[in-house]
Amino acid sequence: MTTRSYPFWRVDVFTHTPLAGNPLAVFPRASGLSDAEMLAITREMNISETTFILPPKDRRADYRNRIFTPGGELPFAGHPSLGTAYVAAMEGIVPLRNGSTTIHQEVGIGVLPLELVVRGKRVERVVMTQGRPKVGPPIRKVEALAKALGILPRDITATGLHPGNASTGISSLQVPIRSLETVREMVPDMAALGRVTRKLSGETGDVGVYVFTFEAEGDSDLHARGFFPLYGIPEDPATGSAAGACGAFLAANRRFAAKEWLVIEQGIEIHHPSRIEVAVAVSRGRPTAVKVGGEVVEVMRGTLSL
């Protein structure tokens, strides 16, 4: 029997410190793998997401990025986009030039640009432009949601903001919480949260719940946690797609900080502290474009044999 070998990288995203941030496995030369094999490999990696770089179908893109969770494939995601761009540059799939370079990835929602900031042949920062922001109507009945999160309804309503669905390519339920203590101590019922997520997703098709508070442990603007029970991810250390959607949600509600970049800390509760930077362009009170940026650090490389 012929053995097939596929090299892979493990990187941590939204951090400059190894063993922090959000882990990601990247297979830079994934041609020949079937969909079923990609899903099986993702489950073998046993982290929130694994990506597979393939030749693009769209001539505008430098490469095609297929993103898998243990629960299935995603049309778009944040930290897998940043981490994959880093590996693509280090592998020579895209140019590794000092200064700022724009590359393009093809994902399920289309072709999206990313900016690579390189110094001394090292990728110092990756910034992605996400999909068109969409923000749904406010959700006023929060009793079932609060119960599933293991908190009181007033822990949500005291913020003066109603939860809502938001998306920059993939939707999440944005839930403001009144205090850092409440966010840190909540212990959600994942089965119940999955049921509530399905019920509240509406046409946007939520895949998770992003809770946040305007209090933070460090110099960040927000402290957040991300729960994704429908995709087999009880808690995610750093969720770029949901962070971008959070920025759109805050901008639509006129609560985005008056600064170029909003900084979100996430993953602290599960010992993978992450720092996510979000920028939102606004026109006539509505978010029109969202960028998410952060650092990536290599952790290991290996070879998978099939």
Foldseek 3Di string as FASTA:
>chain_A
DDKDKFKKFWKAWQDADPPFHFIEIEGEDAPPDDQVRLLVVQVVVVGQKYWYWADDPDPQALTEIWIAGNQGTDQDFDRSVFQHVQVCCVVVSDDQDAAKDKGWYQGNVGIWIKIFHHDPSHGFKIKTWFAWKDKDDFDDDCCLVQVQQVHHPCQQVVVVGGWTWMFRRAIEIETEGADPVSQLPTDGNLVSNVVVCVVRCPPRNHQWYKYWYCDDDDPARIEIWIAGSSRVRRTGQDTQGVVQRVQQNCLLVVNHDPDQWHWYWGNVSVPRTRIKIKGFDDDPSGTGIMMIMRGMGTDDMDMDMD
